[in-house]
N, C-alpha and C. Protein backbone atom coordinates (compact mmCIF):
# COMPACT_ATOMS: atom_id res chain seq x y z
N UNK A 1 -38.87 -59.43 -11.19
CA UNK A 1 -39.40 -60.74 -11.57
C UNK A 1 -38.28 -61.77 -11.67
N UNK A 2 -37.15 -61.36 -12.28
CA UNK A 2 -36.03 -62.29 -12.37
C UNK A 2 -35.50 -62.65 -10.98
N UNK A 3 -35.52 -61.67 -10.06
CA UNK A 3 -35.05 -61.92 -8.70
C UNK A 3 -35.92 -62.98 -8.02
N UNK A 4 -37.23 -62.91 -8.22
CA UNK A 4 -38.13 -63.92 -7.66
C UNK A 4 -37.81 -65.29 -8.25
N UNK A 5 -37.60 -65.31 -9.55
CA UNK A 5 -37.28 -66.56 -10.23
C UNK A 5 -35.97 -67.14 -9.69
N UNK A 6 -35.02 -66.27 -9.45
CA UNK A 6 -33.72 -66.71 -8.93
C UNK A 6 -33.84 -67.22 -7.50
N UNK A 7 -34.63 -66.51 -6.67
CA UNK A 7 -34.79 -66.91 -5.28
C UNK A 7 -35.51 -68.25 -5.14
N UNK A 8 -36.39 -68.58 -6.12
CA UNK A 8 -37.15 -69.83 -6.04
C UNK A 8 -36.29 -71.04 -6.36
N UNK A 9 -35.11 -70.83 -6.88
CA UNK A 9 -34.19 -71.92 -7.14
C UNK A 9 -34.74 -72.93 -8.13
N UNK A 10 -34.51 -74.21 -7.86
CA UNK A 10 -34.95 -75.26 -8.76
C UNK A 10 -36.47 -75.36 -8.85
N UNK A 11 -37.17 -74.87 -7.84
CA UNK A 11 -38.64 -74.94 -7.84
C UNK A 11 -39.26 -73.92 -8.81
N UNK A 12 -38.45 -72.99 -9.30
CA UNK A 12 -38.97 -72.01 -10.24
C UNK A 12 -39.43 -72.66 -11.54
N UNK A 13 -38.76 -73.74 -11.95
CA UNK A 13 -39.09 -74.36 -13.23
C UNK A 13 -40.45 -75.06 -13.21
N UNK A 14 -40.75 -75.93 -12.24
CA UNK A 14 -42.10 -76.51 -12.23
C UNK A 14 -43.19 -75.47 -12.00
N UNK A 15 -42.89 -74.44 -11.21
CA UNK A 15 -43.87 -73.37 -11.00
C UNK A 15 -44.10 -72.58 -12.28
N UNK A 16 -43.03 -72.35 -13.04
CA UNK A 16 -43.17 -71.66 -14.32
C UNK A 16 -43.99 -72.49 -15.30
N UNK A 17 -43.75 -73.81 -15.30
CA UNK A 17 -44.54 -74.70 -16.16
C UNK A 17 -46.01 -74.66 -15.78
N UNK A 18 -46.30 -74.67 -14.48
CA UNK A 18 -47.70 -74.59 -14.03
C UNK A 18 -48.36 -73.30 -14.48
N UNK A 19 -47.64 -72.19 -14.37
CA UNK A 19 -48.22 -70.90 -14.74
C UNK A 19 -48.49 -70.82 -16.24
N UNK A 20 -47.56 -71.33 -17.05
CA UNK A 20 -47.74 -71.30 -18.50
C UNK A 20 -48.91 -72.19 -18.92
N UNK A 21 -48.97 -73.40 -18.37
CA UNK A 21 -50.07 -74.31 -18.69
C UNK A 21 -51.42 -73.71 -18.29
N UNK A 22 -51.47 -73.15 -17.09
CA UNK A 22 -52.72 -72.55 -16.62
C UNK A 22 -53.17 -71.43 -17.54
N UNK A 23 -52.23 -70.58 -17.93
CA UNK A 23 -52.56 -69.45 -18.80
C UNK A 23 -53.06 -69.92 -20.16
N UNK A 24 -52.38 -70.92 -20.73
CA UNK A 24 -52.78 -71.44 -22.05
C UNK A 24 -54.17 -72.05 -21.99
N UNK A 25 -54.43 -72.86 -20.96
CA UNK A 25 -55.73 -73.52 -20.84
C UNK A 25 -56.85 -72.50 -20.64
N UNK A 26 -56.62 -71.51 -19.78
CA UNK A 26 -57.65 -70.51 -19.50
C UNK A 26 -57.98 -69.71 -20.75
N UNK A 27 -56.96 -69.25 -21.47
CA UNK A 27 -57.20 -68.45 -22.68
C UNK A 27 -57.89 -69.29 -23.75
N UNK A 28 -57.42 -70.53 -23.94
CA UNK A 28 -58.01 -71.40 -24.96
C UNK A 28 -59.48 -71.70 -24.66
N UNK A 29 -59.81 -71.97 -23.40
CA UNK A 29 -61.19 -72.27 -23.03
C UNK A 29 -62.08 -71.03 -23.11
N UNK A 30 -61.54 -69.87 -22.78
CA UNK A 30 -62.33 -68.64 -22.90
C UNK A 30 -62.70 -68.39 -24.36
N UNK A 31 -61.78 -68.68 -25.26
CA UNK A 31 -62.07 -68.52 -26.69
C UNK A 31 -63.06 -69.58 -27.16
N UNK A 32 -62.85 -70.82 -26.72
CA UNK A 32 -63.71 -71.93 -27.18
C UNK A 32 -65.12 -71.84 -26.62
N UNK A 33 -65.28 -71.22 -25.45
CA UNK A 33 -66.59 -71.19 -24.79
C UNK A 33 -67.34 -69.88 -25.03
N UNK A 34 -67.07 -69.25 -26.14
CA UNK A 34 -67.89 -68.09 -26.52
C UNK A 34 -69.24 -68.56 -27.03
N UNK A 35 -70.25 -67.74 -26.86
CA UNK A 35 -71.60 -68.12 -27.30
C UNK A 35 -71.63 -68.44 -28.79
N UNK A 36 -70.85 -67.69 -29.57
CA UNK A 36 -70.84 -67.91 -31.02
C UNK A 36 -70.24 -69.25 -31.39
N UNK A 37 -69.44 -69.84 -30.49
CA UNK A 37 -68.82 -71.13 -30.77
C UNK A 37 -69.62 -72.29 -30.17
N UNK A 38 -70.57 -71.99 -29.32
CA UNK A 38 -71.33 -73.05 -28.64
C UNK A 38 -72.75 -73.13 -29.18
N UNK A 39 -73.53 -72.10 -28.95
CA UNK A 39 -74.92 -72.10 -29.43
C UNK A 39 -75.24 -70.70 -29.97
N UNK A 40 -74.95 -70.47 -31.23
CA UNK A 40 -75.19 -69.14 -31.82
C UNK A 40 -76.66 -68.74 -31.74
N UNK A 41 -76.87 -67.45 -31.87
CA UNK A 41 -78.23 -66.91 -31.73
C UNK A 41 -79.18 -67.48 -32.78
N UNK A 42 -78.68 -67.79 -33.97
CA UNK A 42 -79.59 -68.28 -35.02
C UNK A 42 -80.25 -69.60 -34.63
N UNK A 43 -79.55 -70.43 -33.87
CA UNK A 43 -80.15 -71.68 -33.39
C UNK A 43 -81.22 -71.39 -32.35
N UNK A 44 -80.90 -70.48 -31.44
CA UNK A 44 -81.87 -70.13 -30.40
C UNK A 44 -83.15 -69.57 -31.04
N UNK A 45 -83.00 -68.70 -32.04
CA UNK A 45 -84.17 -68.12 -32.70
C UNK A 45 -84.96 -69.17 -33.47
N UNK A 46 -84.25 -70.11 -34.12
CA UNK A 46 -84.93 -71.18 -34.86
C UNK A 46 -85.74 -72.06 -33.91
N UNK A 47 -85.18 -72.40 -32.77
CA UNK A 47 -85.90 -73.23 -31.80
C UNK A 47 -87.13 -72.50 -31.26
N UNK A 48 -86.99 -71.19 -31.04
CA UNK A 48 -88.12 -70.41 -30.54
C UNK A 48 -89.26 -70.39 -31.56
N UNK A 49 -88.93 -70.44 -32.84
CA UNK A 49 -89.95 -70.45 -33.90
C UNK A 49 -90.49 -71.85 -34.15
N UNK A 50 -89.92 -72.85 -33.47
CA UNK A 50 -90.35 -74.23 -33.68
C UNK A 50 -89.80 -74.83 -34.95
N UNK A 51 -88.62 -74.37 -35.37
CA UNK A 51 -88.01 -74.85 -36.60
C UNK A 51 -86.70 -75.57 -36.29
N UNK A 52 -86.30 -76.42 -37.24
CA UNK A 52 -85.00 -77.09 -37.15
C UNK A 52 -84.11 -76.48 -38.23
N UNK A 53 -82.93 -75.98 -37.88
CA UNK A 53 -82.03 -75.43 -38.90
C UNK A 53 -81.75 -76.47 -39.98
N UNK A 54 -81.65 -76.01 -41.22
CA UNK A 54 -81.50 -76.93 -42.34
C UNK A 54 -80.23 -77.76 -42.23
N UNK A 55 -79.17 -77.16 -41.74
CA UNK A 55 -77.91 -77.88 -41.59
C UNK A 55 -77.11 -77.28 -40.44
N UNK A 56 -76.22 -78.10 -39.90
CA UNK A 56 -75.41 -77.64 -38.80
C UNK A 56 -74.09 -77.05 -39.28
N UNK A 57 -73.33 -76.53 -38.35
CA UNK A 57 -72.00 -75.99 -38.65
C UNK A 57 -71.02 -76.58 -37.65
N UNK A 58 -69.88 -75.92 -37.47
CA UNK A 58 -68.85 -76.47 -36.60
C UNK A 58 -68.98 -76.00 -35.16
N UNK A 59 -70.10 -75.39 -34.80
CA UNK A 59 -70.34 -75.04 -33.41
C UNK A 59 -70.82 -76.26 -32.66
N UNK A 60 -70.90 -76.16 -31.33
CA UNK A 60 -71.35 -77.29 -30.52
C UNK A 60 -72.78 -77.66 -30.88
N UNK A 61 -73.68 -76.67 -30.90
CA UNK A 61 -75.07 -76.94 -31.25
C UNK A 61 -75.18 -77.39 -32.70
N UNK A 62 -74.30 -76.84 -33.57
CA UNK A 62 -74.31 -77.22 -34.97
C UNK A 62 -73.99 -78.70 -35.17
N UNK A 63 -73.07 -79.23 -34.37
CA UNK A 63 -72.75 -80.66 -34.47
C UNK A 63 -73.91 -81.52 -34.00
N UNK A 64 -74.66 -81.03 -33.01
CA UNK A 64 -75.84 -81.77 -32.55
C UNK A 64 -76.91 -81.78 -33.65
N UNK A 65 -77.10 -80.63 -34.30
CA UNK A 65 -78.08 -80.53 -35.38
C UNK A 65 -77.66 -81.43 -36.55
N UNK A 66 -76.36 -81.47 -36.85
CA UNK A 66 -75.87 -82.35 -37.91
C UNK A 66 -76.16 -83.81 -37.59
N UNK A 67 -75.92 -84.20 -36.34
CA UNK A 67 -76.23 -85.57 -35.93
C UNK A 67 -77.73 -85.84 -36.03
N UNK A 68 -78.53 -84.84 -35.74
CA UNK A 68 -79.99 -84.96 -35.83
C UNK A 68 -80.40 -85.25 -37.28
N UNK A 69 -79.77 -84.58 -38.23
CA UNK A 69 -80.15 -84.76 -39.65
C UNK A 69 -79.56 -86.03 -40.25
N UNK A 70 -78.35 -86.40 -39.84
CA UNK A 70 -77.66 -87.51 -40.49
C UNK A 70 -78.11 -88.87 -40.00
N UNK A 71 -78.32 -89.00 -38.71
CA UNK A 71 -78.66 -90.31 -38.13
C UNK A 71 -80.16 -90.51 -38.12
N UNK A 72 -80.56 -91.77 -38.06
CA UNK A 72 -81.98 -92.07 -37.89
C UNK A 72 -82.42 -91.52 -36.55
N UNK A 73 -83.53 -90.86 -36.51
CA UNK A 73 -83.92 -90.12 -35.31
C UNK A 73 -84.08 -91.04 -34.12
N UNK A 74 -83.41 -90.66 -33.04
CA UNK A 74 -83.48 -91.38 -31.77
C UNK A 74 -83.18 -90.36 -30.67
N UNK A 75 -84.17 -90.10 -29.83
CA UNK A 75 -84.00 -89.06 -28.80
C UNK A 75 -82.86 -89.39 -27.85
N UNK A 76 -82.71 -90.66 -27.48
CA UNK A 76 -81.63 -91.05 -26.56
C UNK A 76 -80.27 -90.89 -27.22
N UNK A 77 -80.19 -91.21 -28.49
CA UNK A 77 -78.94 -91.04 -29.21
C UNK A 77 -78.58 -89.56 -29.30
N UNK A 78 -79.56 -88.72 -29.52
CA UNK A 78 -79.32 -87.28 -29.60
C UNK A 78 -78.84 -86.73 -28.26
N UNK A 79 -79.42 -87.21 -27.16
CA UNK A 79 -78.99 -86.78 -25.83
C UNK A 79 -77.57 -87.25 -25.54
N UNK A 80 -77.22 -88.44 -26.06
CA UNK A 80 -75.85 -88.93 -25.88
C UNK A 80 -74.85 -88.05 -26.63
N UNK A 81 -75.23 -87.61 -27.82
CA UNK A 81 -74.38 -86.69 -28.58
C UNK A 81 -74.19 -85.38 -27.82
N UNK A 82 -75.27 -84.89 -27.22
CA UNK A 82 -75.19 -83.65 -26.44
C UNK A 82 -74.26 -83.82 -25.24
N UNK A 83 -74.35 -84.96 -24.56
CA UNK A 83 -73.46 -85.21 -23.41
C UNK A 83 -72.01 -85.27 -23.86
N UNK A 84 -71.77 -85.85 -25.03
CA UNK A 84 -70.41 -85.91 -25.57
C UNK A 84 -69.88 -84.51 -25.85
N UNK A 85 -70.73 -83.64 -26.37
CA UNK A 85 -70.31 -82.27 -26.66
C UNK A 85 -70.00 -81.50 -25.37
N UNK A 86 -70.78 -81.76 -24.32
CA UNK A 86 -70.50 -81.12 -23.03
C UNK A 86 -69.15 -81.58 -22.49
N UNK A 87 -68.87 -82.87 -22.65
CA UNK A 87 -67.56 -83.41 -22.22
C UNK A 87 -66.43 -82.74 -22.99
N UNK A 88 -66.64 -82.50 -24.27
CA UNK A 88 -65.62 -81.84 -25.07
C UNK A 88 -65.41 -80.40 -24.61
N UNK A 89 -66.46 -79.75 -24.14
CA UNK A 89 -66.30 -78.38 -23.63
C UNK A 89 -65.44 -78.34 -22.38
N UNK A 90 -65.38 -79.45 -21.65
CA UNK A 90 -64.59 -79.52 -20.42
C UNK A 90 -63.14 -79.89 -20.68
N UNK A 91 -62.76 -80.01 -21.94
CA UNK A 91 -61.41 -80.43 -22.30
C UNK A 91 -60.35 -79.51 -21.69
N UNK A 92 -59.37 -80.10 -21.04
CA UNK A 92 -58.26 -79.35 -20.47
C UNK A 92 -58.48 -78.86 -19.05
N UNK A 93 -59.73 -78.87 -18.59
CA UNK A 93 -60.00 -78.33 -17.26
C UNK A 93 -59.45 -79.24 -16.16
N UNK A 94 -59.31 -80.54 -16.44
CA UNK A 94 -58.74 -81.42 -15.42
C UNK A 94 -57.27 -81.06 -15.17
N UNK A 95 -56.57 -80.59 -16.22
CA UNK A 95 -55.19 -80.15 -16.03
C UNK A 95 -55.16 -78.90 -15.16
N UNK A 96 -56.13 -78.01 -15.37
CA UNK A 96 -56.21 -76.80 -14.55
C UNK A 96 -56.47 -77.16 -13.09
N UNK A 97 -57.30 -78.17 -12.85
CA UNK A 97 -57.56 -78.60 -11.47
C UNK A 97 -56.31 -79.20 -10.83
N UNK A 98 -55.52 -79.92 -11.63
CA UNK A 98 -54.26 -80.46 -11.12
C UNK A 98 -53.31 -79.33 -10.75
N UNK A 99 -53.25 -78.30 -11.59
CA UNK A 99 -52.37 -77.15 -11.31
C UNK A 99 -52.81 -76.44 -10.04
N UNK A 100 -54.13 -76.31 -9.84
CA UNK A 100 -54.64 -75.64 -8.64
C UNK A 100 -54.17 -76.35 -7.38
N UNK A 101 -54.08 -77.67 -7.44
CA UNK A 101 -53.61 -78.45 -6.29
C UNK A 101 -52.09 -78.51 -6.22
N UNK A 102 -51.44 -78.61 -7.40
CA UNK A 102 -50.00 -78.85 -7.42
C UNK A 102 -49.19 -77.61 -7.11
N UNK A 103 -49.61 -76.45 -7.60
CA UNK A 103 -48.80 -75.24 -7.43
C UNK A 103 -48.56 -74.90 -5.95
N UNK A 104 -49.59 -74.90 -5.08
CA UNK A 104 -49.32 -74.63 -3.66
C UNK A 104 -48.47 -75.71 -3.01
N UNK A 105 -48.63 -76.97 -3.45
CA UNK A 105 -47.83 -78.05 -2.88
C UNK A 105 -46.36 -77.91 -3.27
N UNK A 106 -46.10 -77.49 -4.51
CA UNK A 106 -44.72 -77.23 -4.91
C UNK A 106 -44.14 -76.08 -4.08
N UNK A 107 -44.98 -75.05 -3.87
CA UNK A 107 -44.55 -73.94 -3.02
C UNK A 107 -44.27 -74.39 -1.60
N UNK A 108 -45.11 -75.29 -1.07
CA UNK A 108 -44.90 -75.81 0.28
C UNK A 108 -43.62 -76.64 0.35
N UNK A 109 -43.37 -77.42 -0.70
CA UNK A 109 -42.13 -78.19 -0.75
C UNK A 109 -40.92 -77.27 -0.74
N UNK A 110 -41.02 -76.17 -1.48
CA UNK A 110 -39.94 -75.18 -1.47
C UNK A 110 -39.76 -74.56 -0.10
N UNK A 111 -40.88 -74.32 0.61
CA UNK A 111 -40.80 -73.76 1.96
C UNK A 111 -40.07 -74.71 2.90
N UNK A 112 -40.45 -75.97 2.84
CA UNK A 112 -39.81 -76.97 3.70
C UNK A 112 -38.33 -77.09 3.37
N UNK A 113 -38.02 -77.10 2.08
CA UNK A 113 -36.62 -77.20 1.66
C UNK A 113 -35.81 -76.00 2.15
N UNK A 114 -36.40 -74.81 2.04
CA UNK A 114 -35.71 -73.61 2.52
C UNK A 114 -35.46 -73.67 4.02
N UNK A 115 -36.43 -74.12 4.79
CA UNK A 115 -36.25 -74.22 6.24
C UNK A 115 -35.21 -75.27 6.60
N UNK A 116 -35.20 -76.37 5.85
CA UNK A 116 -34.18 -77.40 6.09
C UNK A 116 -32.79 -76.82 5.85
N UNK A 117 -32.66 -76.02 4.78
CA UNK A 117 -31.37 -75.39 4.51
C UNK A 117 -30.96 -74.44 5.63
N UNK A 118 -31.93 -73.71 6.19
CA UNK A 118 -31.64 -72.77 7.27
C UNK A 118 -31.14 -73.52 8.50
N UNK A 119 -31.91 -74.52 8.92
CA UNK A 119 -31.56 -75.22 10.16
C UNK A 119 -30.37 -76.17 9.96
N UNK A 120 -30.12 -76.57 8.72
CA UNK A 120 -29.00 -77.47 8.47
C UNK A 120 -27.66 -76.77 8.52
N UNK A 121 -27.67 -75.43 8.47
CA UNK A 121 -26.42 -74.68 8.46
C UNK A 121 -26.17 -73.96 9.78
N UNK A 122 -26.86 -74.35 10.83
CA UNK A 122 -26.61 -73.76 12.14
C UNK A 122 -25.31 -74.31 12.70
N UNK A 123 -24.46 -73.41 13.14
CA UNK A 123 -23.18 -73.81 13.72
C UNK A 123 -23.41 -74.43 15.09
N UNK A 124 -22.82 -75.58 15.31
CA UNK A 124 -23.03 -76.30 16.57
C UNK A 124 -22.46 -75.53 17.74
N UNK A 125 -21.37 -74.89 17.57
CA UNK A 125 -20.71 -74.18 18.67
C UNK A 125 -21.42 -72.88 19.03
N UNK A 126 -21.69 -72.06 18.01
CA UNK A 126 -22.30 -70.74 18.28
C UNK A 126 -23.82 -70.80 18.34
N UNK A 127 -24.40 -71.81 17.72
CA UNK A 127 -25.86 -71.90 17.68
C UNK A 127 -26.49 -70.94 16.70
N UNK A 128 -25.68 -70.32 15.83
CA UNK A 128 -26.17 -69.36 14.85
C UNK A 128 -25.99 -69.91 13.44
N UNK A 129 -26.94 -69.63 12.54
CA UNK A 129 -26.80 -70.11 11.17
C UNK A 129 -25.84 -69.24 10.38
N UNK A 130 -25.31 -69.81 9.32
CA UNK A 130 -24.51 -69.02 8.39
C UNK A 130 -25.39 -67.95 7.76
N UNK A 131 -24.92 -66.72 7.74
CA UNK A 131 -25.75 -65.60 7.29
C UNK A 131 -26.18 -65.75 5.83
N UNK A 132 -25.28 -66.18 4.98
CA UNK A 132 -25.62 -66.36 3.56
C UNK A 132 -26.64 -67.48 3.39
N UNK A 133 -26.40 -68.61 4.05
CA UNK A 133 -27.33 -69.73 3.96
C UNK A 133 -28.68 -69.38 4.56
N UNK A 134 -28.69 -68.59 5.63
CA UNK A 134 -29.95 -68.18 6.27
C UNK A 134 -30.78 -67.35 5.31
N UNK A 135 -30.15 -66.39 4.66
CA UNK A 135 -30.87 -65.51 3.72
C UNK A 135 -31.41 -66.30 2.54
N UNK A 136 -30.56 -67.17 1.99
CA UNK A 136 -30.99 -67.95 0.83
C UNK A 136 -32.12 -68.91 1.21
N UNK A 137 -32.05 -69.54 2.39
CA UNK A 137 -33.08 -70.46 2.81
C UNK A 137 -34.42 -69.78 3.04
N UNK A 138 -34.38 -68.63 3.70
CA UNK A 138 -35.62 -67.88 3.95
C UNK A 138 -36.21 -67.37 2.64
N UNK A 139 -35.34 -66.89 1.74
CA UNK A 139 -35.82 -66.40 0.44
C UNK A 139 -36.49 -67.53 -0.33
N UNK A 140 -35.89 -68.72 -0.31
CA UNK A 140 -36.48 -69.87 -1.00
C UNK A 140 -37.83 -70.23 -0.39
N UNK A 141 -37.91 -70.25 0.93
CA UNK A 141 -39.15 -70.63 1.61
C UNK A 141 -40.28 -69.66 1.29
N UNK A 142 -40.01 -68.38 1.37
CA UNK A 142 -41.06 -67.38 1.16
C UNK A 142 -41.43 -67.23 -0.31
N UNK A 143 -40.42 -67.26 -1.18
CA UNK A 143 -40.68 -67.03 -2.61
C UNK A 143 -41.50 -68.15 -3.22
N UNK A 144 -41.15 -69.39 -2.92
CA UNK A 144 -41.88 -70.51 -3.52
C UNK A 144 -43.33 -70.53 -3.04
N UNK A 145 -43.55 -70.22 -1.77
CA UNK A 145 -44.92 -70.17 -1.26
C UNK A 145 -45.73 -69.09 -1.96
N UNK A 146 -45.13 -67.91 -2.11
CA UNK A 146 -45.82 -66.79 -2.75
C UNK A 146 -46.15 -67.09 -4.20
N UNK A 147 -45.17 -67.66 -4.94
CA UNK A 147 -45.41 -67.95 -6.35
C UNK A 147 -46.47 -69.04 -6.51
N UNK A 148 -46.39 -70.08 -5.67
CA UNK A 148 -47.36 -71.16 -5.75
C UNK A 148 -48.78 -70.67 -5.53
N UNK A 149 -48.97 -69.82 -4.52
CA UNK A 149 -50.30 -69.28 -4.26
C UNK A 149 -50.73 -68.30 -5.35
N UNK A 150 -49.78 -67.55 -5.90
CA UNK A 150 -50.09 -66.59 -6.96
C UNK A 150 -50.57 -67.30 -8.23
N UNK A 151 -50.14 -68.53 -8.42
CA UNK A 151 -50.61 -69.31 -9.56
C UNK A 151 -51.95 -69.96 -9.26
N UNK A 152 -52.07 -70.54 -8.06
CA UNK A 152 -53.26 -71.33 -7.73
C UNK A 152 -54.52 -70.47 -7.58
N UNK A 153 -54.40 -69.29 -6.98
CA UNK A 153 -55.59 -68.47 -6.70
C UNK A 153 -56.27 -68.00 -8.00
N UNK A 154 -55.55 -67.38 -8.95
CA UNK A 154 -56.21 -67.02 -10.21
C UNK A 154 -56.72 -68.23 -10.99
N UNK A 155 -55.96 -69.34 -10.94
CA UNK A 155 -56.41 -70.54 -11.64
C UNK A 155 -57.70 -71.08 -11.03
N UNK A 156 -57.82 -70.99 -9.71
CA UNK A 156 -59.04 -71.45 -9.04
C UNK A 156 -60.23 -70.58 -9.43
N UNK A 157 -60.02 -69.27 -9.47
CA UNK A 157 -61.11 -68.36 -9.87
C UNK A 157 -61.51 -68.61 -11.32
N UNK A 158 -60.53 -68.78 -12.21
CA UNK A 158 -60.84 -69.03 -13.62
C UNK A 158 -61.55 -70.36 -13.80
N UNK A 159 -61.13 -71.39 -13.08
CA UNK A 159 -61.77 -72.70 -13.18
C UNK A 159 -63.22 -72.63 -12.74
N UNK A 160 -63.49 -71.90 -11.65
CA UNK A 160 -64.87 -71.75 -11.20
C UNK A 160 -65.73 -71.05 -12.24
N UNK A 161 -65.18 -70.00 -12.85
CA UNK A 161 -65.92 -69.27 -13.89
C UNK A 161 -66.19 -70.15 -15.10
N UNK A 162 -65.17 -70.89 -15.55
CA UNK A 162 -65.33 -71.75 -16.72
C UNK A 162 -66.32 -72.89 -16.46
N UNK A 163 -66.26 -73.48 -15.26
CA UNK A 163 -67.20 -74.54 -14.91
C UNK A 163 -68.63 -74.02 -14.91
N UNK A 164 -68.82 -72.83 -14.36
CA UNK A 164 -70.16 -72.23 -14.34
C UNK A 164 -70.65 -71.95 -15.76
N UNK A 165 -69.75 -71.50 -16.62
CA UNK A 165 -70.12 -71.22 -18.00
C UNK A 165 -70.50 -72.51 -18.73
N UNK A 166 -69.76 -73.58 -18.48
CA UNK A 166 -70.08 -74.87 -19.10
C UNK A 166 -71.43 -75.38 -18.60
N UNK A 167 -71.70 -75.22 -17.31
CA UNK A 167 -73.00 -75.65 -16.77
C UNK A 167 -74.14 -74.90 -17.44
N UNK A 168 -73.95 -73.59 -17.65
CA UNK A 168 -74.98 -72.79 -18.32
C UNK A 168 -75.21 -73.25 -19.74
N UNK A 169 -74.12 -73.46 -20.47
CA UNK A 169 -74.24 -73.93 -21.85
C UNK A 169 -74.84 -75.34 -21.91
N UNK A 170 -74.49 -76.20 -20.94
CA UNK A 170 -75.05 -77.55 -20.91
C UNK A 170 -76.56 -77.50 -20.75
N UNK A 171 -77.05 -76.59 -19.90
CA UNK A 171 -78.50 -76.44 -19.72
C UNK A 171 -79.15 -75.94 -21.02
N UNK A 172 -78.49 -75.00 -21.69
CA UNK A 172 -79.03 -74.47 -22.95
C UNK A 172 -79.05 -75.56 -24.02
N UNK A 173 -77.99 -76.37 -24.08
CA UNK A 173 -77.96 -77.47 -25.05
C UNK A 173 -79.05 -78.49 -24.75
N UNK A 174 -79.29 -78.74 -23.45
CA UNK A 174 -80.35 -79.65 -23.07
C UNK A 174 -81.71 -79.16 -23.55
N UNK A 175 -81.94 -77.86 -23.40
CA UNK A 175 -83.20 -77.28 -23.90
C UNK A 175 -83.28 -77.41 -25.41
N UNK A 176 -82.14 -77.16 -26.09
CA UNK A 176 -82.12 -77.29 -27.54
C UNK A 176 -82.45 -78.69 -28.01
N UNK A 177 -81.89 -79.69 -27.33
CA UNK A 177 -82.17 -81.08 -27.68
C UNK A 177 -83.65 -81.40 -27.47
N UNK A 178 -84.21 -80.94 -26.36
CA UNK A 178 -85.63 -81.17 -26.11
C UNK A 178 -86.49 -80.52 -27.18
N UNK A 179 -86.07 -79.34 -27.65
CA UNK A 179 -86.82 -78.68 -28.72
C UNK A 179 -86.74 -79.49 -30.01
N UNK A 180 -85.56 -80.04 -30.31
CA UNK A 180 -85.43 -80.87 -31.50
C UNK A 180 -86.33 -82.09 -31.42
N UNK A 181 -86.36 -82.72 -30.25
CA UNK A 181 -87.21 -83.89 -30.05
C UNK A 181 -88.68 -83.52 -30.23
N UNK A 182 -89.09 -82.40 -29.61
CA UNK A 182 -90.49 -81.97 -29.70
C UNK A 182 -90.87 -81.62 -31.12
N UNK A 183 -89.99 -80.93 -31.85
CA UNK A 183 -90.27 -80.55 -33.24
C UNK A 183 -90.41 -81.79 -34.11
N UNK A 184 -89.54 -82.77 -33.92
CA UNK A 184 -89.60 -83.99 -34.71
C UNK A 184 -90.90 -84.74 -34.46
N UNK A 185 -91.31 -84.79 -33.20
CA UNK A 185 -92.56 -85.48 -32.88
C UNK A 185 -93.76 -84.77 -33.49
N UNK A 186 -93.71 -83.43 -33.49
CA UNK A 186 -94.80 -82.67 -34.10
C UNK A 186 -94.86 -82.93 -35.60
N UNK A 187 -93.68 -83.08 -36.23
CA UNK A 187 -93.65 -83.35 -37.66
C UNK A 187 -94.15 -84.75 -37.99
N UNK A 188 -93.96 -85.69 -37.06
CA UNK A 188 -94.36 -87.07 -37.30
C UNK A 188 -95.85 -87.29 -37.05
N UNK A 189 -96.44 -86.46 -36.18
CA UNK A 189 -97.85 -86.66 -35.82
C UNK A 189 -98.80 -86.55 -37.01
N UNK A 190 -98.66 -85.51 -37.86
CA UNK A 190 -99.58 -85.46 -39.02
C UNK A 190 -99.44 -86.68 -39.92
N UNK A 191 -98.22 -87.16 -40.13
CA UNK A 191 -98.01 -88.34 -40.98
C UNK A 191 -98.68 -89.56 -40.38
N UNK A 192 -98.54 -89.70 -39.05
CA UNK A 192 -99.15 -90.83 -38.37
C UNK A 192 -100.67 -90.75 -38.43
N UNK A 193 -101.21 -89.54 -38.25
CA UNK A 193 -102.66 -89.36 -38.30
C UNK A 193 -103.20 -89.67 -39.68
N UNK A 194 -102.47 -89.24 -40.72
CA UNK A 194 -102.89 -89.49 -42.10
C UNK A 194 -102.87 -90.99 -42.40
N UNK A 195 -101.84 -91.66 -41.92
CA UNK A 195 -101.73 -93.11 -42.15
C UNK A 195 -102.84 -93.85 -41.43
N UNK A 196 -103.20 -93.44 -40.23
CA UNK A 196 -104.28 -94.07 -39.49
C UNK A 196 -105.62 -93.85 -40.19
N UNK A 197 -105.82 -92.61 -40.69
CA UNK A 197 -107.08 -92.31 -41.37
C UNK A 197 -107.22 -93.14 -42.64
N UNK A 198 -106.11 -93.30 -43.37
CA UNK A 198 -106.13 -94.11 -44.60
C UNK A 198 -106.41 -95.57 -44.27
N UNK A 199 -105.86 -96.04 -43.17
CA UNK A 199 -106.07 -97.44 -42.79
C UNK A 199 -107.55 -97.67 -42.43
N UNK A 200 -108.17 -96.69 -41.73
CA UNK A 200 -109.58 -96.82 -41.36
C UNK A 200 -110.47 -96.76 -42.60
N UNK A 201 -110.09 -95.92 -43.56
CA UNK A 201 -110.88 -95.81 -44.79
C UNK A 201 -110.84 -97.12 -45.59
N UNK A 202 -109.65 -97.72 -45.65
CA UNK A 202 -109.53 -98.98 -46.38
C UNK A 202 -110.29 -100.11 -45.69
N UNK A 203 -110.37 -100.04 -44.34
CA UNK A 203 -111.08 -101.07 -43.59
C UNK A 203 -112.57 -100.97 -43.89
């Protein structure tokens, strides 16, 4: 591993930064996007029973329920809160997308630099490159390309998985919001009917 790092030369540092950032973002998002942190089973069961949980917690769905209880009821406002929570679930993924694009480009830059070093050290008289410079240039070209792709490919797979997971949770949150809206309307209907009946009786 140290030999690869040494062969990559100055390009090893930005590639190392990309790998560390990618790893941190992937692990953090995997922890944050657990079902227990987004929409716990107790919320799903409450919605299936046609009930609204008494209070929310620090989960994604819990914050939506808290907004439902605290603010004056407005279905559009509740949907806006849900969209905000989905945006928060995507936190950090744009950096992962940058790494997916940047790591192979850094590797390509290292490849070009290595080839320039090889051809720049060719002796004019003999037409042969310096053996030491040739080895170092080829090592730089191949190593940076390999490391760049080794970072980008797993990051691409992880990003696809995380995006799919966020899309699934976004759909579930959308259903939850619709259930909250439907439950609230059902609770308001008897009150409205009673008020109408009282108004007709007084008339």
